[in-house]
């Protein structure tokens, strides 16, 4: 098994790392948030940015499509995404909130 480190930049401190993901080549990592492209993800119920917005949400799982979909959907849910992500099997996540606190789900 080959381990490939993947980094996530800190959306609140440009140029700094938020976390390093050590994952084998079978895992995919996707991050959603406004850092790179501005606010481009909206709450589908309101058509506006999430009220309880996260600064970023990183999802780790077996497939890139699933990781990207979960990161985008979770970001749109805002802070409510934590319980949803915890309910999904084989999904790990790392979030940075707007005030800079962090939380994670899944096994370490």
N, C-alpha and C. Protein backbone atom coordinates (compact mmCIF):
# COMPACT_ATOMS: atom_id res chain seq x y z
N UNK A 1 0.84 -1.17 0.00
CA UNK A 1 0.00 0.00 0.00
C UNK A 1 0.89 1.24 0.00
N UNK A 2 0.60 2.19 -0.86
CA UNK A 2 1.32 3.44 -0.93
C UNK A 2 0.52 4.51 -0.20
N UNK A 3 1.16 5.25 0.69
CA UNK A 3 0.48 6.32 1.41
C UNK A 3 0.80 7.64 0.72
N UNK A 4 -0.25 8.39 0.44
CA UNK A 4 -0.11 9.68 -0.23
C UNK A 4 -0.63 10.77 0.70
N UNK A 5 0.23 11.67 1.19
CA UNK A 5 -0.27 12.76 2.02
C UNK A 5 -1.01 13.79 1.16
N UNK A 6 -2.11 14.28 1.69
CA UNK A 6 -2.87 15.33 1.02
C UNK A 6 -3.06 16.45 2.03
N UNK A 7 -2.94 17.68 1.60
CA UNK A 7 -3.05 18.80 2.52
C UNK A 7 -4.32 19.59 2.25
N UNK A 8 -4.82 20.23 3.31
CA UNK A 8 -5.95 21.13 3.20
C UNK A 8 -5.49 22.48 3.71
N UNK A 9 -5.65 23.51 2.92
CA UNK A 9 -5.23 24.84 3.35
C UNK A 9 -6.23 25.42 4.35
N UNK A 10 -5.72 26.27 5.20
CA UNK A 10 -6.56 26.92 6.21
C UNK A 10 -7.29 28.10 5.55
N UNK A 11 -8.61 28.06 5.48
CA UNK A 11 -9.35 29.12 4.80
C UNK A 11 -9.31 30.45 5.55
N UNK A 12 -8.98 30.42 6.82
CA UNK A 12 -8.97 31.64 7.63
C UNK A 12 -7.57 32.23 7.77
N UNK A 13 -6.55 31.46 7.38
CA UNK A 13 -5.16 31.92 7.45
C UNK A 13 -4.46 31.54 6.16
N UNK A 14 -4.59 32.35 5.12
CA UNK A 14 -4.00 32.02 3.82
C UNK A 14 -2.52 31.67 3.92
N UNK A 15 -2.15 30.63 3.18
CA UNK A 15 -0.77 30.19 3.15
C UNK A 15 -0.42 29.19 4.23
N UNK A 16 -1.36 28.89 5.12
CA UNK A 16 -1.10 27.93 6.19
C UNK A 16 -1.93 26.68 5.98
N UNK A 17 -1.44 25.58 6.50
CA UNK A 17 -2.16 24.31 6.38
C UNK A 17 -3.15 24.15 7.53
N UNK A 18 -4.30 23.57 7.22
CA UNK A 18 -5.29 23.26 8.26
C UNK A 18 -5.09 21.84 8.75
N UNK A 19 -4.82 20.93 7.82
CA UNK A 19 -4.63 19.53 8.19
C UNK A 19 -3.89 18.80 7.08
N UNK A 20 -3.29 17.69 7.45
CA UNK A 20 -2.66 16.81 6.48
C UNK A 20 -3.36 15.47 6.59
N UNK A 21 -3.83 14.96 5.48
CA UNK A 21 -4.52 13.68 5.44
C UNK A 21 -3.54 12.63 4.92
N UNK A 22 -3.29 11.62 5.72
CA UNK A 22 -2.46 10.50 5.29
C UNK A 22 -3.42 9.41 4.83
N UNK A 23 -3.47 9.16 3.55
CA UNK A 23 -4.44 8.21 3.02
C UNK A 23 -3.78 7.29 2.00
N UNK A 24 -4.22 6.04 2.00
CA UNK A 24 -3.71 5.14 0.97
C UNK A 24 -4.30 5.55 -0.38
N UNK A 25 -3.79 4.98 -1.43
CA UNK A 25 -4.20 5.40 -2.77
C UNK A 25 -5.64 5.07 -3.10
N UNK A 26 -6.30 4.31 -2.24
CA UNK A 26 -7.70 3.97 -2.49
C UNK A 26 -8.67 5.00 -1.92
N UNK A 27 -8.19 5.97 -1.17
CA UNK A 27 -9.06 6.97 -0.59
C UNK A 27 -9.04 8.27 -1.39
N UNK A 28 -10.19 8.92 -1.41
CA UNK A 28 -10.32 10.20 -2.10
C UNK A 28 -10.57 11.30 -1.07
N UNK A 29 -10.10 12.49 -1.36
CA UNK A 29 -10.25 13.63 -0.47
C UNK A 29 -10.84 14.78 -1.27
N UNK A 30 -11.91 15.39 -0.75
CA UNK A 30 -12.51 16.56 -1.41
C UNK A 30 -12.83 17.61 -0.36
N UNK A 31 -12.57 18.86 -0.69
CA UNK A 31 -12.85 19.98 0.22
C UNK A 31 -13.77 20.97 -0.48
N UNK A 32 -14.78 21.44 0.26
CA UNK A 32 -15.69 22.46 -0.26
C UNK A 32 -15.68 23.67 0.66
N UNK A 33 -15.87 24.82 0.07
CA UNK A 33 -15.91 26.08 0.81
C UNK A 33 -15.65 27.23 -0.13
N UNK A 34 -15.69 28.45 0.37
CA UNK A 34 -15.55 29.63 -0.48
C UNK A 34 -14.12 30.12 -0.69
N UNK A 35 -13.13 29.45 -0.15
CA UNK A 35 -11.76 29.97 -0.17
C UNK A 35 -11.22 30.20 -1.57
N UNK A 36 -11.30 29.22 -2.43
CA UNK A 36 -10.70 29.33 -3.76
C UNK A 36 -11.58 30.05 -4.78
N UNK A 37 -12.89 29.80 -4.74
CA UNK A 37 -13.78 30.32 -5.79
C UNK A 37 -14.83 31.30 -5.27
N UNK A 38 -14.69 31.76 -4.05
CA UNK A 38 -15.70 32.64 -3.47
C UNK A 38 -16.94 31.83 -3.12
N UNK A 39 -17.97 32.51 -2.70
CA UNK A 39 -19.20 31.83 -2.28
C UNK A 39 -19.96 31.34 -3.50
N UNK A 40 -19.84 30.05 -3.80
CA UNK A 40 -20.48 29.47 -4.99
C UNK A 40 -21.41 28.32 -4.63
N UNK A 41 -21.52 27.99 -3.35
CA UNK A 41 -22.40 26.91 -2.90
C UNK A 41 -23.53 27.55 -2.10
N UNK A 42 -24.76 27.20 -2.45
CA UNK A 42 -25.90 27.81 -1.78
C UNK A 42 -26.79 26.74 -1.14
N UNK A 43 -27.54 27.16 -0.16
CA UNK A 43 -28.54 26.30 0.47
C UNK A 43 -29.68 26.15 -0.55
N UNK A 44 -29.98 24.93 -1.00
CA UNK A 44 -30.99 24.77 -2.04
C UNK A 44 -32.40 25.18 -1.60
N UNK A 45 -32.63 25.25 -0.31
CA UNK A 45 -33.95 25.67 0.18
C UNK A 45 -34.15 27.17 0.07
N UNK A 46 -33.05 27.93 0.17
CA UNK A 46 -33.17 29.39 0.16
C UNK A 46 -32.55 30.05 -1.06
N UNK A 47 -31.63 29.34 -1.73
CA UNK A 47 -30.91 29.93 -2.85
C UNK A 47 -29.84 30.91 -2.40
N UNK A 48 -29.54 30.92 -1.12
CA UNK A 48 -28.55 31.83 -0.56
C UNK A 48 -27.42 31.04 0.11
N UNK A 49 -26.32 31.70 0.42
CA UNK A 49 -25.26 31.00 1.16
C UNK A 49 -25.80 30.45 2.47
N UNK A 50 -25.24 29.36 2.95
CA UNK A 50 -25.71 28.78 4.21
C UNK A 50 -25.62 29.79 5.35
N UNK A 51 -26.66 29.85 6.18
CA UNK A 51 -26.67 30.79 7.31
C UNK A 51 -25.60 30.41 8.32
N UNK A 52 -25.53 29.16 8.66
CA UNK A 52 -24.54 28.67 9.62
C UNK A 52 -23.36 28.10 8.84
N UNK A 53 -22.73 28.96 8.05
CA UNK A 53 -21.70 28.51 7.11
C UNK A 53 -20.44 28.03 7.81
N UNK A 54 -19.82 27.04 7.19
CA UNK A 54 -18.51 26.57 7.58
C UNK A 54 -17.47 27.33 6.75
N UNK A 55 -16.27 27.44 7.26
CA UNK A 55 -15.20 28.02 6.46
C UNK A 55 -14.73 27.01 5.41
N UNK A 56 -14.72 25.71 5.78
CA UNK A 56 -14.42 24.66 4.82
C UNK A 56 -14.83 23.31 5.41
N UNK A 57 -15.05 22.36 4.51
CA UNK A 57 -15.41 21.00 4.90
C UNK A 57 -14.66 20.03 4.00
N UNK A 58 -13.87 19.17 4.60
CA UNK A 58 -13.11 18.16 3.88
C UNK A 58 -13.71 16.79 4.17
N UNK A 59 -13.92 15.99 3.12
CA UNK A 59 -14.49 14.65 3.26
C UNK A 59 -13.52 13.64 2.68
N UNK A 60 -13.36 12.53 3.39
CA UNK A 60 -12.47 11.45 2.96
C UNK A 60 -13.30 10.18 2.88
N UNK A 61 -13.25 9.51 1.73
CA UNK A 61 -13.96 8.24 1.56
C UNK A 61 -13.34 7.49 0.37
N UNK A 62 -13.96 6.40 -0.06
CA UNK A 62 -13.37 5.54 -1.10
C UNK A 62 -13.45 6.10 -2.51
N UNK A 63 -14.43 6.93 -2.82
CA UNK A 63 -14.56 7.42 -4.19
C UNK A 63 -14.59 8.93 -4.27
N UNK A 64 -13.97 9.49 -5.31
CA UNK A 64 -13.90 10.94 -5.45
C UNK A 64 -15.27 11.56 -5.68
N UNK A 65 -16.12 10.91 -6.46
CA UNK A 65 -17.46 11.46 -6.70
C UNK A 65 -18.23 11.57 -5.39
N UNK A 66 -18.17 10.51 -4.58
CA UNK A 66 -18.86 10.53 -3.29
C UNK A 66 -18.25 11.57 -2.35
N UNK A 67 -16.94 11.66 -2.31
CA UNK A 67 -16.29 12.65 -1.46
C UNK A 67 -16.69 14.06 -1.85
N UNK A 68 -16.67 14.35 -3.14
CA UNK A 68 -17.03 15.68 -3.63
C UNK A 68 -18.50 15.99 -3.35
N UNK A 69 -19.39 15.04 -3.61
CA UNK A 69 -20.82 15.25 -3.37
C UNK A 69 -21.09 15.48 -1.89
N UNK A 70 -20.46 14.69 -1.03
CA UNK A 70 -20.68 14.84 0.42
C UNK A 70 -20.09 16.15 0.94
N UNK A 71 -18.93 16.55 0.43
CA UNK A 71 -18.33 17.81 0.86
C UNK A 71 -19.20 18.99 0.43
N UNK A 72 -19.71 18.96 -0.78
CA UNK A 72 -20.54 20.05 -1.27
C UNK A 72 -21.88 20.10 -0.53
N UNK A 73 -22.54 18.95 -0.41
CA UNK A 73 -23.82 18.90 0.31
C UNK A 73 -23.64 19.29 1.77
N UNK A 74 -22.59 18.77 2.39
CA UNK A 74 -22.32 19.11 3.79
C UNK A 74 -22.05 20.59 3.97
N UNK A 75 -21.28 21.18 3.07
CA UNK A 75 -21.02 22.62 3.17
C UNK A 75 -22.33 23.40 3.06
N UNK A 76 -23.19 23.00 2.13
CA UNK A 76 -24.48 23.69 1.96
C UNK A 76 -25.35 23.57 3.21
N UNK A 77 -25.21 22.47 3.96
CA UNK A 77 -25.97 22.28 5.21
C UNK A 77 -25.43 23.13 6.35
N UNK A 78 -24.21 23.60 6.22
CA UNK A 78 -23.61 24.38 7.30
C UNK A 78 -23.31 23.49 8.50
N UNK A 79 -23.46 24.04 9.68
CA UNK A 79 -23.13 23.30 10.90
C UNK A 79 -24.03 22.09 11.11
N UNK A 80 -25.18 22.03 10.46
CA UNK A 80 -26.07 20.87 10.57
C UNK A 80 -25.46 19.63 9.92
N UNK A 81 -24.43 19.81 9.12
CA UNK A 81 -23.83 18.68 8.41
C UNK A 81 -23.14 17.68 9.31
N UNK A 82 -22.74 18.10 10.49
CA UNK A 82 -21.99 17.19 11.37
C UNK A 82 -22.78 15.92 11.67
N UNK A 83 -24.03 16.06 12.09
CA UNK A 83 -24.85 14.89 12.42
C UNK A 83 -25.08 14.03 11.18
N UNK A 84 -25.30 14.67 10.04
CA UNK A 84 -25.51 13.93 8.79
C UNK A 84 -24.27 13.12 8.43
N UNK A 85 -23.10 13.76 8.48
CA UNK A 85 -21.86 13.06 8.14
C UNK A 85 -21.57 11.92 9.11
N UNK A 86 -21.88 12.11 10.38
CA UNK A 86 -21.68 11.04 11.37
C UNK A 86 -22.56 9.83 11.07
N UNK A 87 -23.69 10.04 10.40
CA UNK A 87 -24.60 8.93 10.10
C UNK A 87 -24.18 8.13 8.87
N UNK A 88 -23.24 8.63 8.09
CA UNK A 88 -22.82 7.97 6.86
C UNK A 88 -21.70 6.98 7.14
N UNK A 89 -21.85 5.73 6.70
CA UNK A 89 -20.78 4.75 6.94
C UNK A 89 -19.56 5.03 6.06
N UNK A 90 -18.41 4.75 6.59
CA UNK A 90 -17.15 4.83 5.83
C UNK A 90 -16.83 6.22 5.31
N UNK A 91 -17.31 7.24 6.01
CA UNK A 91 -17.02 8.64 5.64
C UNK A 91 -16.30 9.28 6.82
N UNK A 92 -15.22 9.97 6.52
CA UNK A 92 -14.54 10.78 7.54
C UNK A 92 -14.58 12.23 7.06
N UNK A 93 -14.61 13.15 8.01
CA UNK A 93 -14.65 14.56 7.62
C UNK A 93 -13.89 15.42 8.61
N UNK A 94 -13.50 16.58 8.14
CA UNK A 94 -12.81 17.58 8.95
C UNK A 94 -13.38 18.93 8.56
N UNK A 95 -13.93 19.67 9.55
CA UNK A 95 -14.54 20.96 9.26
C UNK A 95 -13.85 22.07 10.03
N UNK A 96 -13.83 23.23 9.40
CA UNK A 96 -13.38 24.45 10.06
C UNK A 96 -14.57 25.39 10.04
N UNK A 97 -14.98 25.86 11.22
CA UNK A 97 -16.13 26.75 11.29
C UNK A 97 -15.70 28.19 11.03
N UNK A 98 -16.67 29.06 10.87
CA UNK A 98 -16.38 30.45 10.56
C UNK A 98 -15.55 31.13 11.65
N UNK A 99 -15.65 30.65 12.91
CA UNK A 99 -14.87 31.26 13.98
C UNK A 99 -13.53 30.56 14.21
N UNK A 100 -13.21 29.57 13.36
CA UNK A 100 -11.92 28.92 13.42
C UNK A 100 -11.87 27.64 14.24
N UNK A 101 -12.95 27.28 14.91
CA UNK A 101 -12.95 26.01 15.63
C UNK A 101 -13.06 24.88 14.62
N UNK A 102 -12.67 23.70 15.03
CA UNK A 102 -12.70 22.55 14.13
C UNK A 102 -13.46 21.41 14.77
N UNK A 103 -13.97 20.52 13.92
CA UNK A 103 -14.55 19.26 14.36
C UNK A 103 -14.32 18.22 13.27
N UNK A 104 -14.44 16.97 13.67
CA UNK A 104 -14.26 15.90 12.70
C UNK A 104 -15.23 14.78 13.00
N UNK A 105 -15.45 13.95 11.99
CA UNK A 105 -16.33 12.79 12.13
C UNK A 105 -15.61 11.56 11.58
N UNK A 106 -16.11 10.40 11.94
CA UNK A 106 -15.51 9.16 11.44
C UNK A 106 -14.38 8.70 12.32
N UNK A 107 -13.88 7.54 11.98
CA UNK A 107 -12.78 6.98 12.77
C UNK A 107 -11.48 7.70 12.47
N UNK A 108 -10.62 7.72 13.43
CA UNK A 108 -9.34 8.41 13.26
C UNK A 108 -8.37 7.57 12.48
